[in-house]
Amino acid sequence: MGESRQELLGWLNNLLQLNVTKVEQCGTGAALCQIYDSIYQDLPMSRVKFNVNTEYAYLQNFKILQNCFAKHQIERLVPVESLIKCKMQDNLEFLQWTKRFWDQYYPGGEYDAVARRKGAGAPAAAAPTPAPTASARTSGAGAARRGTTPTTAPTRSTAAVRTGGAASAALTQELNAMKDTVAGLERERDFYFSKLRDIEMLLQQACEADPELEKDEDSLIKQVQAILYSTEEGFEIPADDGVVDDQETF
């Protein structure tokens, strides 16, 4: 079984020094390009666009990724049309496969993701700006980050000298990411619950139309009901504390 979304996001952000909060964000193609650059270190990262939000721009990133696959003879189809829709399931499956590929072929050692994003074709502002004062150094660092992805995390050396403000921002960021995760899980729960409820209603209607169906213990209806109402070991259905409204809706 592949890694969970949170495990994949943790690995991705640690490797690339980004702040990706949703698997769907991989549909831009930018992070995927840099994952493979961490293996081969020959992708034109200066042409990869992180701060874009149009499918046309995503396609340009995926062209770079497809060229990488062709160059290194990676026998895997990149489902571009599905990925650029930024749907969770399509991007999750491709990211899981990419993680397995990375585990197998990553050469090891440190990968300076921030430096690669500021590669040979990057603007001059990406270079350190000498300045005699702390305020000027701060201004230069801000200029260096212009034009890169808005989700770029600070480098390790910069983060090491940050104090309470950076810690507070990191906690806020983590909290927002957790809220997004919970919201996504709730949507998935509601989606699958509605499917199960629809199946349950169909079975009830069928049994009401033909009561004989419930008498056959080996019937398909009985088997489906057994699956619907089965519980895991140790799970107990809570007792009703009061009268349940028969007209309750879901």
C-alpha atoms as a PDB file:
ATOM      1  CA  MET A   1       0.000   0.000   0.000  1.00  0.00           C
ATOM      2  CA  GLY A   2       1.370   3.469  -0.894  1.00  0.00           C
ATOM      3  CA  GLU A   3       2.094   6.259   1.535  1.00  0.00           C
ATOM      4  CA  SER A   4      -0.738   8.417   2.829  1.00  0.00           C
ATOM      5  CA  ARG A   5      -1.258  11.950   1.602  1.00  0.00           C
ATOM      6  CA  GLN A   6       0.302  13.465   4.712  1.00  0.00           C
ATOM      7  CA  GLU A   7       3.360  11.209   4.488  1.00  0.00           C
ATOM      8  CA  LEU A   8       3.830  12.147   0.839  1.00  0.00           C
ATOM      9  CA  LEU A   9       3.417  15.864   1.534  1.00  0.00           C
ATOM     10  CA  GLY A  10       5.912  15.659   4.396  1.00  0.00           C
ATOM     11  CA  TRP A  11       8.465  13.937   2.164  1.00  0.00           C
ATOM     12  CA  LEU A  12       7.837  16.352  -0.710  1.00  0.00           C
ATOM     13  CA  ASN A  13       8.176  19.491   1.405  1.00  0.00           C
ATOM     14  CA  ASN A  14      11.298  18.201   3.143  1.00  0.00           C
ATOM     15  CA  LEU A  15      12.983  17.251  -0.130  1.00  0.00           C
ATOM     16  CA  LEU A  16      12.094  20.392  -2.071  1.00  0.00           C
ATOM     17  CA  GLN A  17      11.907  22.944   0.775  1.00  0.00           C
ATOM     18  CA  LEU A  18       8.370  23.884  -0.227  1.00  0.00           C
ATOM     19  CA  ASN A  19       5.113  24.326   1.618  1.00  0.00           C
ATOM     20  CA  VAL A  20       2.698  22.247  -0.439  1.00  0.00           C
ATOM     21  CA  THR A  21      -0.466  21.675   1.598  1.00  0.00           C
ATOM     22  CA  LYS A  22      -2.511  19.552  -0.807  1.00  0.00           C
ATOM     23  CA  VAL A  23      -1.679  16.691  -3.146  1.00  0.00           C
ATOM     24  CA  GLU A  24      -3.798  18.449  -5.775  1.00  0.00           C
ATOM     25  CA  GLN A  25      -1.141  21.174  -6.021  1.00  0.00           C
ATOM     26  CA  CYS A  26       1.112  18.663  -7.773  1.00  0.00           C
ATOM     27  CA  GLY A  27      -1.205  19.144 -10.772  1.00  0.00           C
ATOM     28  CA  THR A  28       0.827  22.222 -11.728  1.00  0.00           C
ATOM     29  CA  GLY A  29       3.704  19.897 -12.619  1.00  0.00           C
ATOM     30  CA  ALA A  30       6.300  22.120 -10.939  1.00  0.00           C
ATOM     31  CA  ALA A  31       6.961  20.000  -7.856  1.00  0.00           C
ATOM     32  CA  LEU A  32       6.986  16.825  -9.947  1.00  0.00           C
ATOM     33  CA  CYS A  33       9.649  18.322 -12.219  1.00  0.00           C
ATOM     34  CA  GLN A  34      11.853  19.084  -9.257  1.00  0.00           C
ATOM     35  CA  ILE A  35      11.434  15.624  -7.721  1.00  0.00           C
ATOM     36  CA  TYR A  36      12.925  14.139 -10.881  1.00  0.00           C
ATOM     37  CA  ASP A  37      15.552  16.878 -10.935  1.00  0.00           C
ATOM     38  CA  SER A  38      16.623  15.676  -7.481  1.00  0.00           C
ATOM     39  CA  ILE A  39      17.373  12.313  -9.101  1.00  0.00           C
ATOM     40  CA  TYR A  40      18.987  13.400 -12.389  1.00  0.00           C
ATOM     41  CA  GLN A  41      19.816  17.080 -11.690  1.00  0.00           C
ATOM     42  CA  ASP A  42      19.574  17.922 -15.381  1.00  0.00           C
ATOM     43  CA  LEU A  43      16.089  19.435 -15.712  1.00  0.00           C
ATOM     44  CA  PRO A  44      15.968  23.089 -16.811  1.00  0.00           C
ATOM     45  CA  MET A  45      14.570  24.273 -13.481  1.00  0.00           C
ATOM     46  CA  SER A  46      14.807  27.930 -14.521  1.00  0.00           C
ATOM     47  CA  ARG A  47      12.006  27.193 -17.003  1.00  0.00           C
ATOM     48  CA  VAL A  48       9.764  25.447 -14.456  1.00  0.00           C
ATOM     49  CA  LYS A  49       7.046  27.781 -13.216  1.00  0.00           C
ATOM     50  CA  PHE A  50       5.892  27.439  -9.615  1.00  0.00           C
ATOM     51  CA  ASN A  51       3.734  30.548  -9.240  1.00  0.00           C
ATOM     52  CA  VAL A  52       1.205  29.906 -12.022  1.00  0.00           C
ATOM     53  CA  ASN A  53      -2.491  29.061 -11.988  1.00  0.00           C
ATOM     54  CA  THR A  54      -3.511  28.289 -15.573  1.00  0.00           C
ATOM     55  CA  GLU A  55      -3.660  24.962 -17.356  1.00  0.00           C
ATOM     56  CA  TYR A  56      -1.589  26.379 -20.200  1.00  0.00           C
ATOM     57  CA  ALA A  57       1.266  27.079 -17.770  1.00  0.00           C
ATOM     58  CA  TYR A  58       0.846  23.634 -16.209  1.00  0.00           C
ATOM     59  CA  LEU A  59       1.224  22.089 -19.675  1.00  0.00           C
ATOM     60  CA  GLN A  60       4.574  23.839 -20.134  1.00  0.00           C
ATOM     61  CA  ASN A  61       5.809  22.280 -16.892  1.00  0.00           C
ATOM     62  CA  PHE A  62       4.595  18.850 -17.918  1.00  0.00           C
ATOM     63  CA  LYS A  63       6.383  19.167 -21.267  1.00  0.00           C
ATOM     64  CA  ILE A  64       9.605  19.516 -19.312  1.00  0.00           C
ATOM     65  CA  LEU A  65       8.681  16.465 -17.247  1.00  0.00           C
ATOM     66  CA  GLN A  66       7.829  14.422 -20.346  1.00  0.00           C
ATOM     67  CA  ASN A  67      11.163  15.365 -21.920  1.00  0.00           C
ATOM     68  CA  CYS A  68      12.874  14.078 -18.769  1.00  0.00           C
ATOM     69  CA  PHE A  69      10.987  10.776 -19.005  1.00  0.00           C
ATOM     70  CA  ALA A  70      11.949  10.411 -22.657  1.00  0.00           C
ATOM     71  CA  LYS A  71      15.609  11.312 -22.062  1.00  0.00           C
ATOM     72  CA  HIS A  72      16.021   8.834 -19.217  1.00  0.00           C
ATOM     73  CA  GLN A  73      13.793   6.178 -20.811  1.00  0.00           C
ATOM     74  CA  ILE A  74      11.317   6.065 -17.949  1.00  0.00           C
ATOM     75  CA  GLU A  75       8.626   3.667 -19.122  1.00  0.00           C
ATOM     76  CA  ARG A  76       5.658   5.338 -17.534  1.00  0.00           C
ATOM     77  CA  LEU A  77       2.934   7.383 -19.184  1.00  0.00           C
ATOM     78  CA  VAL A  78       2.455  10.813 -17.659  1.00  0.00           C
ATOM     79  CA  PRO A  79      -1.354  11.332 -17.589  1.00  0.00           C
ATOM     80  CA  VAL A  80      -1.108  15.042 -18.216  1.00  0.00           C
ATOM     81  CA  GLU A  81      -4.762  15.642 -19.076  1.00  0.00           C
ATOM     82  CA  SER A  82      -5.846  14.112 -15.777  1.00  0.00           C
ATOM     83  CA  LEU A  83      -3.156  15.677 -13.601  1.00  0.00           C
ATOM     84  CA  ILE A  84      -3.664  19.277 -14.747  1.00  0.00           C
ATOM     85  CA  LYS A  85      -7.287  19.095 -13.562  1.00  0.00           C
ATOM     86  CA  CYS A  86      -5.759  19.082 -10.061  1.00  0.00           C
ATOM     87  CA  LYS A  87      -8.001  16.283  -8.816  1.00  0.00           C
ATOM     88  CA  MET A  88      -6.865  14.590  -5.626  1.00  0.00           C
ATOM     89  CA  GLN A  89      -7.047  10.919  -6.670  1.00  0.00           C
ATOM     90  CA  ASP A  90      -5.185  11.278  -9.986  1.00  0.00           C
ATOM     91  CA  ASN A  91      -2.398  13.311  -8.433  1.00  0.00           C
ATOM     92  CA  LEU A  92      -2.202  11.046  -5.386  1.00  0.00           C
ATOM     93  CA  GLU A  93      -1.700   7.933  -7.522  1.00  0.00           C
ATOM     94  CA  PHE A  94       0.983   9.556  -9.669  1.00  0.00           C
ATOM     95  CA  LEU A  95       2.767  10.999  -6.628  1.00  0.00           C
ATOM     96  CA  GLN A  96       2.757   7.577  -4.944  1.00  0.00           C
ATOM     97  CA  TRP A  97       4.348   6.040  -8.051  1.00  0.00           C
ATOM     98  CA  THR A  98       6.860   8.902  -8.206  1.00  0.00           C
ATOM     99  CA  LYS A  99       7.816   8.302  -4.553  1.00  0.00           C
ATOM    100  CA  ARG A 100       8.474   4.623  -5.256  1.00  0.00           C
ATOM    101  CA  PHE A 101      10.580   5.597  -8.287  1.00  0.00           C
ATOM    102  CA  TRP A 102      12.503   8.135  -6.196  1.00  0.00           C
ATOM    103  CA  ASP A 103      13.148   5.571  -3.447  1.00  0.00           C
ATOM    104  CA  GLN A 104      14.717   3.308  -6.060  1.00  0.00           C
ATOM    105  CA  TYR A 105      16.798   5.800  -8.058  1.00  0.00           C
ATOM    106  CA  TYR A 106      17.650   8.763  -5.817  1.00  0.00           C
ATOM    107  CA  PRO A 107      21.470   8.881  -5.782  1.00  0.00           C
ATOM    108  CA  GLY A 108      21.685  10.015  -2.158  1.00  0.00           C
ATOM    109  CA  GLY A 109      23.430  13.004  -0.640  1.00  0.00           C
ATOM    110  CA  GLU A 110      22.117  16.530  -0.125  1.00  0.00           C
ATOM    111  CA  TYR A 111      19.885  18.107  -2.750  1.00  0.00           C
ATOM    112  CA  ASP A 112      19.828  21.910  -2.642  1.00  0.00           C
ATOM    113  CA  ALA A 113      16.310  22.470  -3.934  1.00  0.00           C
ATOM    114  CA  VAL A 114      16.319  26.244  -3.439  1.00  0.00           C
ATOM    115  CA  ALA A 115      19.593  26.666  -5.320  1.00  0.00           C
ATOM    116  CA  ARG A 116      18.300  24.528  -8.193  1.00  0.00           C
ATOM    117  CA  ARG A 117      15.211  26.696  -8.488  1.00  0.00           C
ATOM    118  CA  LYS A 118      17.500  29.709  -8.756  1.00  0.00           C
ATOM    119  CA  GLY A 119      19.650  27.963 -11.383  1.00  0.00           C
ATOM    120  CA  ALA A 120      21.718  29.432 -14.189  1.00  0.00           C
ATOM    121  CA  GLY A 121      18.773  31.148 -15.875  1.00  0.00           C
ATOM    122  CA  ALA A 122      17.409  32.775 -12.725  1.00  0.00           C
ATOM    123  CA  PRO A 123      17.229  36.576 -12.347  1.00  0.00           C
ATOM    124  CA  ALA A 124      20.205  38.342 -10.869  1.00  0.00           C
ATOM    125  CA  ALA A 125      18.184  39.147  -7.763  1.00  0.00           C
ATOM    126  CA  ALA A 126      18.499  35.494  -6.793  1.00  0.00           C
ATOM    127  CA  ALA A 127      22.165  36.066  -5.924  1.00  0.00           C
ATOM    128  CA  PRO A 128      23.027  37.301  -2.418  1.00  0.00           C
ATOM    129  CA  THR A 129      23.061  41.099  -2.242  1.00  0.00           C
ATOM    130  CA  PRO A 130      25.976  42.439  -0.164  1.00  0.00           C
ATOM    131  CA  ALA A 131      24.880  45.013   2.371  1.00  0.00           C
ATOM    132  CA  PRO A 132      26.447  46.397   5.535  1.00  0.00           C
ATOM    133  CA  THR A 133      23.326  46.397   7.671  1.00  0.00           C
ATOM    134  CA  ALA A 134      20.870  43.783   8.856  1.00  0.00           C
ATOM    135  CA  SER A 135      17.938  45.687   7.340  1.00  0.00           C
ATOM    136  CA  ALA A 136      19.618  45.749   3.930  1.00  0.00           C
ATOM    137  CA  ARG A 137      20.346  42.016   4.152  1.00  0.00           C
ATOM    138  CA  THR A 138      16.671  41.399   4.928  1.00  0.00           C
ATOM    139  CA  SER A 139      15.636  43.503   1.931  1.00  0.00           C
ATOM    140  CA  GLY A 140      18.056  41.611  -0.327  1.00  0.00           C
ATOM    141  CA  ALA A 141      16.693  38.262   0.826  1.00  0.00           C
ATOM    142  CA  GLY A 142      13.156  39.430   0.021  1.00  0.00           C
ATOM    143  CA  ALA A 143      14.221  40.460  -3.466  1.00  0.00           C
ATOM    144  CA  ALA A 144      15.882  37.101  -4.023  1.00  0.00           C
ATOM    145  CA  ARG A 145      12.619  35.326  -3.445  1.00  0.00           C
ATOM    146  CA  ARG A 146      10.657  37.344  -5.995  1.00  0.00           C
ATOM    147  CA  GLY A 147       9.579  35.374  -9.037  1.00  0.00           C
ATOM    148  CA  THR A 148       9.709  31.979  -7.329  1.00  0.00           C
ATOM    149  CA  THR A 149       6.856  29.913  -5.971  1.00  0.00           C
ATOM    150  CA  PRO A 150       4.893  31.611  -3.185  1.00  0.00           C
ATOM    151  CA  THR A 151       5.019  28.332  -1.285  1.00  0.00           C
ATOM    152  CA  THR A 152       8.798  28.277  -1.033  1.00  0.00           C
ATOM    153  CA  ALA A 153       9.960  27.633   2.509  1.00  0.00           C
ATOM    154  CA  PRO A 154      12.964  29.440   4.020  1.00  0.00           C
ATOM    155  CA  THR A 155      16.356  27.794   3.657  1.00  0.00           C
ATOM    156  CA  ARG A 156      17.812  26.001   6.640  1.00  0.00           C
ATOM    157  CA  SER A 157      20.430  28.687   7.293  1.00  0.00           C
ATOM    158  CA  THR A 158      17.797  31.445   7.288  1.00  0.00           C
ATOM    159  CA  ALA A 159      15.348  29.472   9.426  1.00  0.00           C
ATOM    160  CA  ALA A 160      18.058  28.847  12.006  1.00  0.00           C
ATOM    161  CA  VAL A 161      18.313  32.537  12.885  1.00  0.00           C
ATOM    162  CA  ARG A 162      14.590  33.264  12.980  1.00  0.00           C
ATOM    163  CA  THR A 163      13.039  33.672  16.434  1.00  0.00           C
ATOM    164  CA  GLY A 164       9.519  33.774  17.811  1.00  0.00           C
ATOM    165  CA  GLY A 165       7.941  35.292  14.716  1.00  0.00           C
ATOM    166  CA  ALA A 166       9.055  32.424  12.478  1.00  0.00           C
ATOM    167  CA  ALA A 167       7.922  29.829  15.016  1.00  0.00           C
ATOM    168  CA  SER A 168       4.495  31.449  15.244  1.00  0.00           C
ATOM    169  CA  ALA A 169       4.184  31.571  11.454  1.00  0.00           C
ATOM    170  CA  ALA A 170       5.204  27.914  11.213  1.00  0.00           C
ATOM    171  CA  LEU A 171       2.564  26.892  13.760  1.00  0.00           C
ATOM    172  CA  THR A 172      -0.096  28.894  11.922  1.00  0.00           C
ATOM    173  CA  GLN A 173       0.956  27.263   8.681  1.00  0.00           C
ATOM    174  CA  GLU A 174       0.806  23.814  10.231  1.00  0.00           C
ATOM    175  CA  LEU A 175      -2.609  24.533  11.711  1.00  0.00           C
ATOM    176  CA  ASN A 176      -3.946  25.667   8.324  1.00  0.00           C
ATOM    177  CA  ALA A 177      -2.564  22.528   6.709  1.00  0.00           C
ATOM    178  CA  MET A 178      -4.274  20.378   9.346  1.00  0.00           C
ATOM    179  CA  LYS A 179      -7.560  22.222   8.783  1.00  0.00           C
ATOM    180  CA  ASP A 180      -7.289  21.538   5.045  1.00  0.00           C
ATOM    181  CA  THR A 181      -6.605  17.873   5.778  1.00  0.00           C
ATOM    182  CA  VAL A 182      -9.613  17.570   8.093  1.00  0.00           C
ATOM    183  CA  ALA A 183     -11.844  19.297   5.549  1.00  0.00           C
ATOM    184  CA  GLY A 184     -10.683  16.901   2.854  1.00  0.00           C
ATOM    185  CA  LEU A 185     -11.292  13.861   5.070  1.00  0.00           C
ATOM    186  CA  GLU A 186     -14.775  15.121   5.932  1.00  0.00           C
ATOM    187  CA  ARG A 187     -15.599  15.532   2.231  1.00  0.00           C
ATOM    188  CA  GLU A 188     -14.404  11.998   1.536  1.00  0.00           C
ATOM    189  CA  ARG A 189     -16.396  10.646   4.495  1.00  0.00           C
ATOM    190  CA  ASP A 190     -19.582  12.366   3.369  1.00  0.00           C
ATOM    191  CA  PHE A 191     -19.078  11.208  -0.219  1.00  0.00           C
ATOM    192  CA  TYR A 192     -18.694   7.529   0.663  1.00  0.00           C
ATOM    193  CA  PHE A 193     -21.419   7.654   3.311  1.00  0.00           C
ATOM    194  CA  SER A 194     -23.901   9.003   0.758  1.00  0.00           C
ATOM    195  CA  LYS A 195     -23.008   6.146  -1.590  1.00  0.00           C
ATOM    196  CA  LEU A 196     -23.585   3.569   1.144  1.00  0.00           C
ATOM    197  CA  ARG A 197     -26.854   5.238   2.124  1.00  0.00           C
ATOM    198  CA  ASP A 198     -28.070   5.096  -1.491  1.00  0.00           C
ATOM    199  CA  ILE A 199     -27.263   1.380  -1.618  1.00  0.00           C
ATOM    200  CA  GLU A 200     -29.078   0.799   1.672  1.00  0.00           C
ATOM    201  CA  MET A 201     -32.185   2.612   0.393  1.00  0.00           C
ATOM    202  CA  LEU A 202     -32.214   0.568  -2.821  1.00  0.00           C
ATOM    203  CA  LEU A 203     -32.052  -2.663  -0.803  1.00  0.00           C
ATOM    204  CA  GLN A 204     -34.879  -1.525   1.453  1.00  0.00           C
ATOM    205  CA  GLN A 205     -37.047  -0.598  -1.514  1.00  0.00           C
ATOM    206  CA  ALA A 206     -36.379  -3.955  -3.154  1.00  0.00           C
ATOM    207  CA  CYS A 207     -37.326  -5.846   0.019  1.00  0.00           C
ATOM    208  CA  GLU A 208     -40.469  -3.773   0.472  1.00  0.00           C
ATOM    209  CA  ALA A 209     -41.496  -4.540  -3.103  1.00  0.00           C
ATOM    210  CA  ASP A 210     -40.768  -8.271  -2.698  1.00  0.00           C
ATOM    211  CA  PRO A 211     -40.588  -9.447   0.977  1.00  0.00           C
ATOM    212  CA  GLU A 212     -39.559 -12.926  -0.185  1.00  0.00           C
ATOM    213  CA  LEU A 213     -36.115 -11.561  -1.002  1.00  0.00           C
ATOM    214  CA  GLU A 214     -35.240 -11.262   2.684  1.00  0.00           C
ATOM    215  CA  LYS A 215     -36.122 -14.871   3.425  1.00  0.00           C
ATOM    216  CA  ASP A 216     -33.300 -16.296   1.343  1.00  0.00           C
ATOM    217  CA  GLU A 217     -30.226 -16.129   3.577  1.00  0.00           C
ATOM    218  CA  ASP A 218     -27.903 -16.812   0.637  1.00  0.00           C
ATOM    219  CA  SER A 219     -29.338 -14.115  -1.601  1.00  0.00           C
ATOM    220  CA  LEU A 220     -27.261 -11.255  -2.958  1.00  0.00           C
ATOM    221  CA  ILE A 221     -29.319  -8.788  -0.937  1.00  0.00           C
ATOM    222  CA  LYS A 222     -28.492 -10.579   2.309  1.00  0.00           C
ATOM    223  CA  GLN A 223     -24.800 -10.644   1.417  1.00  0.00           C
ATOM    224  CA  VAL A 224     -24.747  -6.925   0.654  1.00  0.00           C
ATOM    225  CA  GLN A 225     -26.619  -6.153   3.872  1.00  0.00           C
ATOM    226  CA  ALA A 226     -24.110  -8.231   5.831  1.00  0.00           C
ATOM    227  CA  ILE A 227     -21.298  -6.079   4.440  1.00  0.00           C
ATOM    228  CA  LEU A 228     -23.162  -2.828   5.064  1.00  0.00           C
ATOM    229  CA  TYR A 229     -23.942  -3.622   8.694  1.00  0.00           C
ATOM    230  CA  SER A 230     -20.716  -5.412   9.640  1.00  0.00           C
ATOM    231  CA  THR A 231     -18.458  -3.788  12.252  1.00  0.00           C
ATOM    232  CA  GLU A 232     -14.779  -4.089  13.048  1.00  0.00           C
ATOM    233  CA  GLU A 233     -13.621  -6.025  16.073  1.00  0.00           C
ATOM    234  CA  GLY A 234     -13.849  -3.878  19.183  1.00  0.00           C
ATOM    235  CA  PHE A 235     -16.299  -1.433  17.622  1.00  0.00           C
ATOM    236  CA  GLU A 236     -19.600  -1.021  19.414  1.00  0.00           C
ATOM    237  CA  ILE A 237     -22.651   0.715  18.033  1.00  0.00           C
ATOM    238  CA  PRO A 238     -23.590   3.392  20.594  1.00  0.00           C
ATOM    239  CA  ALA A 239     -26.879   2.817  22.409  1.00  0.00           C
ATOM    240  CA  ASP A 240     -29.726   5.211  21.726  1.00  0.00           C
ATOM    241  CA  ASP A 241     -30.174   7.628  24.646  1.00  0.00           C
ATOM    242  CA  GLY A 242     -33.564   8.753  23.521  1.00  0.00           C
ATOM    243  CA  VAL A 243     -36.248   8.408  20.928  1.00  0.00           C
ATOM    244  CA  VAL A 244     -34.901   8.469  17.407  1.00  0.00           C
ATOM    245  CA  ASP A 245     -36.807  10.487  14.883  1.00  0.00           C
ATOM    246  CA  ASP A 246     -37.902   8.135  12.075  1.00  0.00           C
ATOM    247  CA  GLN A 247     -37.824  11.078   9.689  1.00  0.00           C
ATOM    248  CA  GLU A 248     -34.117  11.770  10.261  1.00  0.00           C
ATOM    249  CA  THR A 249     -32.384  12.724   7.050  1.00  0.00           C
ATOM    250  CA  PHE A 250     -28.815  12.186   6.011  1.00  0.00           C
END
